[in-house]
């Protein structure tokens, strides 16, 4: 059984690297195929996938804010509620309610 018959799994980073090199056209598909030991059709497929999905990168909304941003927002809102509660209590005392 040869190594070529075993199905290999490549990381997304590796696929992106090869596809970007194919797009740059500094090397031929044959050269890339030999360098990375990948069939040229696979490189063409990754290149097509990259070019087809690049538009989506700019169409999608920006990534959601992280947990730190959410926590700081909650903290500032609690401070605001506390401040408003103190103002209400102060005004109630002044108006004798």
Protein backbone atom coordinates (compact mmCIF):
# COMPACT_ATOMS: atom_id res chain seq x y z
CA UNK A 1 0.00 0.00 0.00
CA UNK A 2 1.57 3.32 -1.06
CA UNK A 3 1.38 6.65 0.76
CA UNK A 4 -0.59 8.17 -2.10
CA UNK A 5 -3.57 5.89 -1.43
CA UNK A 6 -3.95 7.15 2.15
CA UNK A 7 -6.33 10.07 2.36
CA UNK A 8 -4.61 13.08 3.89
CA UNK A 9 -6.33 15.90 5.71
CA UNK A 10 -4.93 19.39 5.31
CA UNK A 11 -5.46 22.30 7.67
CA UNK A 12 -7.33 25.38 6.56
CA UNK A 13 -4.11 27.37 6.94
CA UNK A 14 -2.28 25.03 4.58
CA UNK A 15 -5.06 25.17 2.01
CA UNK A 16 -5.13 28.96 2.17
CA UNK A 17 -1.36 29.16 1.79
CA UNK A 18 -1.36 26.94 -1.31
CA UNK A 19 -4.39 28.70 -2.82
CA UNK A 20 -2.83 32.13 -2.30
CA UNK A 21 0.38 30.95 -3.95
CA UNK A 22 -1.67 29.64 -6.87
CA UNK A 23 -3.47 32.98 -7.19
CA UNK A 24 -0.20 34.91 -7.13
CA UNK A 25 0.92 32.86 -10.16
CA UNK A 26 4.61 33.10 -9.20
CA UNK A 27 4.80 29.33 -9.60
CA UNK A 28 3.03 27.05 -12.03
CA UNK A 29 0.49 24.49 -10.87
CA UNK A 30 3.01 21.78 -11.69
CA UNK A 31 5.64 23.41 -9.47
CA UNK A 32 3.17 23.88 -6.61
CA UNK A 33 1.99 20.31 -7.02
CA UNK A 34 5.52 18.97 -6.70
CA UNK A 35 6.46 21.32 -3.85
CA UNK A 36 3.45 20.42 -1.68
CA UNK A 37 2.88 16.88 -3.00
CA UNK A 38 -0.71 17.68 -3.99
CA UNK A 39 -2.52 16.93 -7.23
CA UNK A 40 -2.89 20.02 -9.46
CA UNK A 41 -6.67 19.54 -9.59
CA UNK A 42 -6.78 19.89 -5.79
CA UNK A 43 -4.88 23.17 -5.99
CA UNK A 44 -7.27 24.44 -8.66
CA UNK A 45 -10.22 23.47 -6.46
CA UNK A 46 -8.78 25.31 -3.42
CA UNK A 47 -8.00 28.35 -5.57
CA UNK A 48 -11.57 28.41 -6.91
CA UNK A 49 -12.98 28.03 -3.40
CA UNK A 50 -10.84 30.93 -2.20
CA UNK A 51 -11.84 33.25 -5.02
CA UNK A 52 -15.53 32.32 -4.74
CA UNK A 53 -15.65 32.94 -0.99
CA UNK A 54 -13.59 36.12 -0.90
CA UNK A 55 -16.64 38.25 -1.70
CA UNK A 56 -18.45 36.89 1.37
CA UNK A 57 -15.61 38.08 3.57
CA UNK A 58 -16.49 41.68 2.75
CA UNK A 59 -20.27 41.20 2.76
CA UNK A 60 -20.68 39.67 6.20
CA UNK A 61 -21.14 41.75 9.31
CA UNK A 62 -18.08 42.25 11.47
CA UNK A 63 -17.36 39.64 14.12
CA UNK A 64 -19.33 40.02 17.32
CA UNK A 65 -17.70 41.80 20.21
CA UNK A 66 -15.80 39.72 22.68
CA UNK A 67 -16.79 38.85 26.22
CA UNK A 68 -14.67 41.71 27.62
CA UNK A 69 -16.64 44.30 25.63
CA UNK A 70 -19.90 42.77 26.80
CA UNK A 71 -18.80 42.77 30.44
CA UNK A 72 -17.67 46.41 30.31
CA UNK A 73 -21.00 47.40 28.73
CA UNK A 74 -22.95 45.61 31.47
CA UNK A 75 -20.80 47.27 34.13
CA UNK A 76 -21.37 50.76 32.70
CA UNK A 77 -25.12 50.12 32.46
CA UNK A 78 -25.26 49.02 36.11
CA UNK A 79 -23.39 52.21 37.07
CA UNK A 80 -25.92 54.29 35.11
CA UNK A 81 -28.88 52.51 36.74
CA UNK A 82 -27.33 53.07 40.18
CA UNK A 83 -26.80 56.75 39.46
CA UNK A 84 -30.37 57.19 38.23
CA UNK A 85 -31.72 55.35 41.27
CA UNK A 86 -29.80 57.73 43.56
CA UNK A 87 -31.18 60.73 41.63
CA UNK A 88 -34.74 59.44 41.99
CA UNK A 89 -34.31 58.86 45.73
CA UNK A 90 -32.85 62.36 46.14
CA UNK A 91 -35.74 63.94 44.25
CA UNK A 92 -38.30 61.95 46.30
CA UNK A 93 -36.78 63.31 49.52
CA UNK A 94 -36.79 66.87 48.20
CA UNK A 95 -40.42 66.59 47.15
CA UNK A 96 -41.42 64.83 50.39
CA UNK A 97 -42.88 61.80 48.62
